[in-house]
Amino acid sequence: MSLFKDSISIQKEDFSIAELSEQVRANDASNGAIVTFTGIVRELEGGVSLEAMYLEHYPGMTEKALSKIALQARERWSLGNIVIVHRIGRLTLNENIVFVGVGSAHRGEGFQAAEFIMDFLKRDAPFWKKEITTEGEHWVEAKQTDLDA
């Protein structure tokens, strides 16, 4: 049985990067690396101005999918605590969207695991994203680069 903890949250509220980083680090002296990624709402490329982004998810299914990806990361790499937070609802420019944090003995495993989790979130997690722009609203499809990753 693992002493390490997977913490997964889908929430409307913003989060503290510092507090989540501490949660990854908590009670784990085996870590030599804490790797975190924070995604934020950014302006669109191509001249269209983003007013907001709206994210929806499938309750129950989403948490189960994120727990499964954390387990798959553990099967591939030797990891400490894993923290995944994804926001839903209406978000505006420069707001936090997602946090992924992993503890590991070595930086290589930590970077690989964090990227693996983020690739899953971008491509396969049951989230739907709508961009609200100055020219209207539209649901976003996965980018080819995300599918390739």
C-alpha atoms as a PDB file:
ATOM      1  CA  MET A   1       0.000   0.000   0.000  1.00  0.00           C
ATOM      2  CA  SER A   2       1.352   3.380  -1.002  1.00  0.00           C
ATOM      3  CA  LEU A   3       2.007   6.005   1.641  1.00  0.00           C
ATOM      4  CA  PHE A   4       1.638   8.647  -1.017  1.00  0.00           C
ATOM      5  CA  LYS A   5      -1.509  10.549  -1.764  1.00  0.00           C
ATOM      6  CA  ASP A   6      -3.335  11.507  -4.929  1.00  0.00           C
ATOM      7  CA  SER A   7      -5.392  14.653  -4.512  1.00  0.00           C
ATOM      8  CA  ILE A   8      -7.809  15.476  -7.320  1.00  0.00           C
ATOM      9  CA  SER A   9     -10.158  18.440  -7.376  1.00  0.00           C
ATOM     10  CA  ILE A  10     -12.552  19.889  -9.953  1.00  0.00           C
ATOM     11  CA  GLN A  11     -13.637  23.305  -8.720  1.00  0.00           C
ATOM     12  CA  LYS A  12     -14.932  26.756  -9.619  1.00  0.00           C
ATOM     13  CA  GLU A  13     -12.770  28.516  -7.018  1.00  0.00           C
ATOM     14  CA  ASP A  14      -9.262  29.752  -7.765  1.00  0.00           C
ATOM     15  CA  PHE A  15      -6.327  27.981  -6.122  1.00  0.00           C
ATOM     16  CA  SER A  16      -3.053  28.934  -4.479  1.00  0.00           C
ATOM     17  CA  ILE A  17      -0.052  27.581  -6.370  1.00  0.00           C
ATOM     18  CA  ALA A  18       2.061  27.814  -3.200  1.00  0.00           C
ATOM     19  CA  GLU A  19      -0.461  25.848  -1.104  1.00  0.00           C
ATOM     20  CA  LEU A  20      -0.803  23.143  -3.760  1.00  0.00           C
ATOM     21  CA  SER A  21       2.981  22.879  -4.099  1.00  0.00           C
ATOM     22  CA  GLU A  22       3.206  22.356  -0.335  1.00  0.00           C
ATOM     23  CA  GLN A  23       0.552  19.649  -0.616  1.00  0.00           C
ATOM     24  CA  VAL A  24       2.736  17.836  -3.172  1.00  0.00           C
ATOM     25  CA  ARG A  25       5.692  18.109  -0.806  1.00  0.00           C
ATOM     26  CA  ALA A  26       3.823  17.205   2.412  1.00  0.00           C
ATOM     27  CA  ASN A  27       5.115  14.367   4.563  1.00  0.00           C
ATOM     28  CA  ASP A  28       7.504  13.083   1.912  1.00  0.00           C
ATOM     29  CA  ALA A  29      11.230  13.250   2.584  1.00  0.00           C
ATOM     30  CA  SER A  30      11.947  10.926  -0.372  1.00  0.00           C
ATOM     31  CA  ASN A  31      11.411  13.715  -2.912  1.00  0.00           C
ATOM     32  CA  GLY A  32      14.417  15.171  -4.641  1.00  0.00           C
ATOM     33  CA  ALA A  33      12.128  17.021  -7.025  1.00  0.00           C
ATOM     34  CA  ILE A  34       8.762  18.716  -6.971  1.00  0.00           C
ATOM     35  CA  VAL A  35       7.543  19.403 -10.499  1.00  0.00           C
ATOM     36  CA  THR A  36       4.511  21.620 -11.026  1.00  0.00           C
ATOM     37  CA  PHE A  37       2.664  23.002 -13.992  1.00  0.00           C
ATOM     38  CA  THR A  38       0.092  25.776 -13.862  1.00  0.00           C
ATOM     39  CA  GLY A  39      -2.036  26.576 -16.908  1.00  0.00           C
ATOM     40  CA  ILE A  40      -3.582  30.031 -17.171  1.00  0.00           C
ATOM     41  CA  VAL A  41      -6.078  31.675 -19.509  1.00  0.00           C
ATOM     42  CA  ARG A  42      -4.181  33.527 -22.207  1.00  0.00           C
ATOM     43  CA  GLU A  43      -5.070  35.732 -25.124  1.00  0.00           C
ATOM     44  CA  LEU A  44      -5.812  33.931 -28.385  1.00  0.00           C
ATOM     45  CA  GLU A  45      -3.466  33.975 -31.328  1.00  0.00           C
ATOM     46  CA  GLY A  46      -4.606  35.319 -34.666  1.00  0.00           C
ATOM     47  CA  GLY A  47      -6.073  38.681 -33.758  1.00  0.00           C
ATOM     48  CA  VAL A  48      -9.367  37.576 -32.144  1.00  0.00           C
ATOM     49  CA  SER A  49      -9.731  38.899 -28.577  1.00  0.00           C
ATOM     50  CA  LEU A  50     -10.763  36.468 -25.865  1.00  0.00           C
ATOM     51  CA  GLU A  51     -13.295  37.835 -23.398  1.00  0.00           C
ATOM     52  CA  ALA A  52     -13.650  34.653 -21.340  1.00  0.00           C
ATOM     53  CA  MET A  53     -13.430  30.899 -21.409  1.00  0.00           C
ATOM     54  CA  TYR A  54     -16.128  28.585 -20.108  1.00  0.00           C
ATOM     55  CA  LEU A  55     -15.256  25.049 -18.989  1.00  0.00           C
ATOM     56  CA  GLU A  56     -17.695  22.221 -18.316  1.00  0.00           C
ATOM     57  CA  HIS A  57     -17.114  18.655 -17.196  1.00  0.00           C
ATOM     58  CA  TYR A  58     -18.960  15.416 -16.593  1.00  0.00           C
ATOM     59  CA  PRO A  59     -19.202  15.117 -12.756  1.00  0.00           C
ATOM     60  CA  GLY A  60     -18.165  11.746 -11.424  1.00  0.00           C
ATOM     61  CA  MET A  61     -16.678  10.633 -14.728  1.00  0.00           C
ATOM     62  CA  THR A  62     -14.060  13.400 -14.716  1.00  0.00           C
ATOM     63  CA  GLU A  63     -12.787  12.632 -11.213  1.00  0.00           C
ATOM     64  CA  LYS A  64     -12.637   8.935 -12.055  1.00  0.00           C
ATOM     65  CA  ALA A  65     -10.656   9.660 -15.250  1.00  0.00           C
ATOM     66  CA  LEU A  66      -8.181  11.870 -13.368  1.00  0.00           C
ATOM     67  CA  SER A  67      -7.714   9.247 -10.649  1.00  0.00           C
ATOM     68  CA  LYS A  68      -7.012   6.680 -13.343  1.00  0.00           C
ATOM     69  CA  ILE A  69      -4.369   8.857 -15.018  1.00  0.00           C
ATOM     70  CA  ALA A  70      -2.655   9.445 -11.657  1.00  0.00           C
ATOM     71  CA  LEU A  71      -2.571   5.666 -11.143  1.00  0.00           C
ATOM     72  CA  GLN A  72      -1.146   5.164 -14.647  1.00  0.00           C
ATOM     73  CA  ALA A  73       1.568   7.740 -13.890  1.00  0.00           C
ATOM     74  CA  ARG A  74       2.422   5.821 -10.696  1.00  0.00           C
ATOM     75  CA  GLU A  75       2.687   2.593 -12.702  1.00  0.00           C
ATOM     76  CA  ARG A  76       5.220   4.229 -15.068  1.00  0.00           C
ATOM     77  CA  TRP A  77       7.317   6.241 -12.617  1.00  0.00           C
ATOM     78  CA  SER A  78       8.240   6.132  -8.947  1.00  0.00           C
ATOM     79  CA  LEU A  79       6.288   9.108  -7.590  1.00  0.00           C
ATOM     80  CA  GLY A  80       5.428  10.735  -4.305  1.00  0.00           C
ATOM     81  CA  ASN A  81       2.271  12.790  -3.869  1.00  0.00           C
ATOM     82  CA  ILE A  82       0.289  13.837  -6.931  1.00  0.00           C
ATOM     83  CA  VAL A  83      -1.991  16.890  -6.930  1.00  0.00           C
ATOM     84  CA  ILE A  84      -4.318  17.700  -9.836  1.00  0.00           C
ATOM     85  CA  VAL A  85      -6.697  20.674  -9.739  1.00  0.00           C
ATOM     86  CA  HIS A  86      -8.800  21.723 -12.725  1.00  0.00           C
ATOM     87  CA  ARG A  87     -11.172  24.652 -12.684  1.00  0.00           C
ATOM     88  CA  ILE A  88     -14.562  24.847 -14.351  1.00  0.00           C
ATOM     89  CA  GLY A  89     -16.985  27.670 -15.024  1.00  0.00           C
ATOM     90  CA  ARG A  90     -16.291  31.087 -16.497  1.00  0.00           C
ATOM     91  CA  LEU A  91     -12.645  32.148 -16.462  1.00  0.00           C
ATOM     92  CA  THR A  92     -11.106  35.365 -17.756  1.00  0.00           C
ATOM     93  CA  LEU A  93      -7.646  36.335 -18.959  1.00  0.00           C
ATOM     94  CA  ASN A  94      -4.757  35.521 -16.623  1.00  0.00           C
ATOM     95  CA  GLU A  95      -6.828  33.297 -14.321  1.00  0.00           C
ATOM     96  CA  ASN A  96      -5.540  29.866 -13.278  1.00  0.00           C
ATOM     97  CA  ILE A  97      -7.105  26.927 -15.122  1.00  0.00           C
ATOM     98  CA  VAL A  98      -5.134  23.865 -14.075  1.00  0.00           C
ATOM     99  CA  PHE A  99      -2.452  22.757 -11.643  1.00  0.00           C
ATOM    100  CA  VAL A 100      -0.512  19.509 -11.853  1.00  0.00           C
ATOM    101  CA  GLY A 101       2.105  18.712  -9.234  1.00  0.00           C
ATOM    102  CA  VAL A 102       4.142  15.564  -8.705  1.00  0.00           C
ATOM    103  CA  GLY A 103       6.824  14.624  -6.240  1.00  0.00           C
ATOM    104  CA  SER A 104       9.596  12.247  -7.249  1.00  0.00           C
ATOM    105  CA  ALA A 105      13.062  11.223  -6.174  1.00  0.00           C
ATOM    106  CA  HIS A 106      14.561  12.533  -9.422  1.00  0.00           C
ATOM    107  CA  ARG A 107      13.650  15.451 -11.694  1.00  0.00           C
ATOM    108  CA  GLY A 108      13.470  13.381 -14.893  1.00  0.00           C
ATOM    109  CA  GLU A 109      10.672  11.182 -13.574  1.00  0.00           C
ATOM    110  CA  GLY A 110       8.862  14.213 -12.191  1.00  0.00           C
ATOM    111  CA  PHE A 111       8.980  16.107 -15.487  1.00  0.00           C
ATOM    112  CA  GLN A 112       7.902  13.054 -17.471  1.00  0.00           C
ATOM    113  CA  ALA A 113       5.019  12.279 -15.140  1.00  0.00           C
ATOM    114  CA  ALA A 114       3.766  15.890 -15.061  1.00  0.00           C
ATOM    115  CA  GLU A 115       3.867  16.077 -18.863  1.00  0.00           C
ATOM    116  CA  PHE A 116       2.092  12.711 -19.154  1.00  0.00           C
ATOM    117  CA  ILE A 117      -0.713  13.941 -16.874  1.00  0.00           C
ATOM    118  CA  MET A 118      -1.018  17.277 -18.716  1.00  0.00           C
ATOM    119  CA  ASP A 119      -1.132  15.541 -22.115  1.00  0.00           C
ATOM    120  CA  PHE A 120      -4.017  13.422 -20.823  1.00  0.00           C
ATOM    121  CA  LEU A 121      -5.829  16.497 -19.493  1.00  0.00           C
ATOM    122  CA  LYS A 122      -5.491  18.293 -22.842  1.00  0.00           C
ATOM    123  CA  ARG A 123      -6.520  15.325 -24.952  1.00  0.00           C
ATOM    124  CA  ASP A 124      -8.640  12.781 -23.096  1.00  0.00           C
ATOM    125  CA  ALA A 125     -10.132  14.199 -19.914  1.00  0.00           C
ATOM    126  CA  PRO A 126     -13.903  14.816 -20.120  1.00  0.00           C
ATOM    127  CA  PHE A 127     -13.749  18.621 -20.123  1.00  0.00           C
ATOM    128  CA  TRP A 128     -15.376  20.881 -22.704  1.00  0.00           C
ATOM    129  CA  LYS A 129     -14.070  24.356 -23.366  1.00  0.00           C
ATOM    130  CA  LYS A 130     -15.948  27.249 -24.944  1.00  0.00           C
ATOM    131  CA  GLU A 131     -14.145  30.398 -26.030  1.00  0.00           C
ATOM    132  CA  ILE A 132     -16.125  33.617 -25.713  1.00  0.00           C
ATOM    133  CA  THR A 133     -14.567  36.181 -28.037  1.00  0.00           C
ATOM    134  CA  THR A 134     -15.353  39.600 -29.421  1.00  0.00           C
ATOM    135  CA  GLU A 135     -16.583  37.771 -32.540  1.00  0.00           C
ATOM    136  CA  GLY A 136     -18.861  35.242 -30.811  1.00  0.00           C
ATOM    137  CA  GLU A 137     -18.726  31.942 -28.918  1.00  0.00           C
ATOM    138  CA  HIS A 138     -17.553  28.508 -30.007  1.00  0.00           C
ATOM    139  CA  TRP A 139     -16.662  25.155 -28.481  1.00  0.00           C
ATOM    140  CA  VAL A 140     -12.976  24.285 -28.835  1.00  0.00           C
ATOM    141  CA  GLU A 141     -11.823  21.061 -30.454  1.00  0.00           C
ATOM    142  CA  ALA A 142      -8.559  19.363 -29.526  1.00  0.00           C
ATOM    143  CA  LYS A 143      -5.534  20.709 -31.398  1.00  0.00           C
ATOM    144  CA  GLN A 144      -3.509  18.317 -33.516  1.00  0.00           C
ATOM    145  CA  THR A 145      -0.410  19.052 -31.404  1.00  0.00           C
ATOM    146  CA  ASP A 146      -2.297  17.920 -28.277  1.00  0.00           C
ATOM    147  CA  LEU A 147      -3.466  14.749 -30.020  1.00  0.00           C
ATOM    148  CA  ASP A 148       0.066  14.029 -31.228  1.00  0.00           C
ATOM    149  CA  ALA A 149       1.479  14.428 -27.713  1.00  0.00           C
END
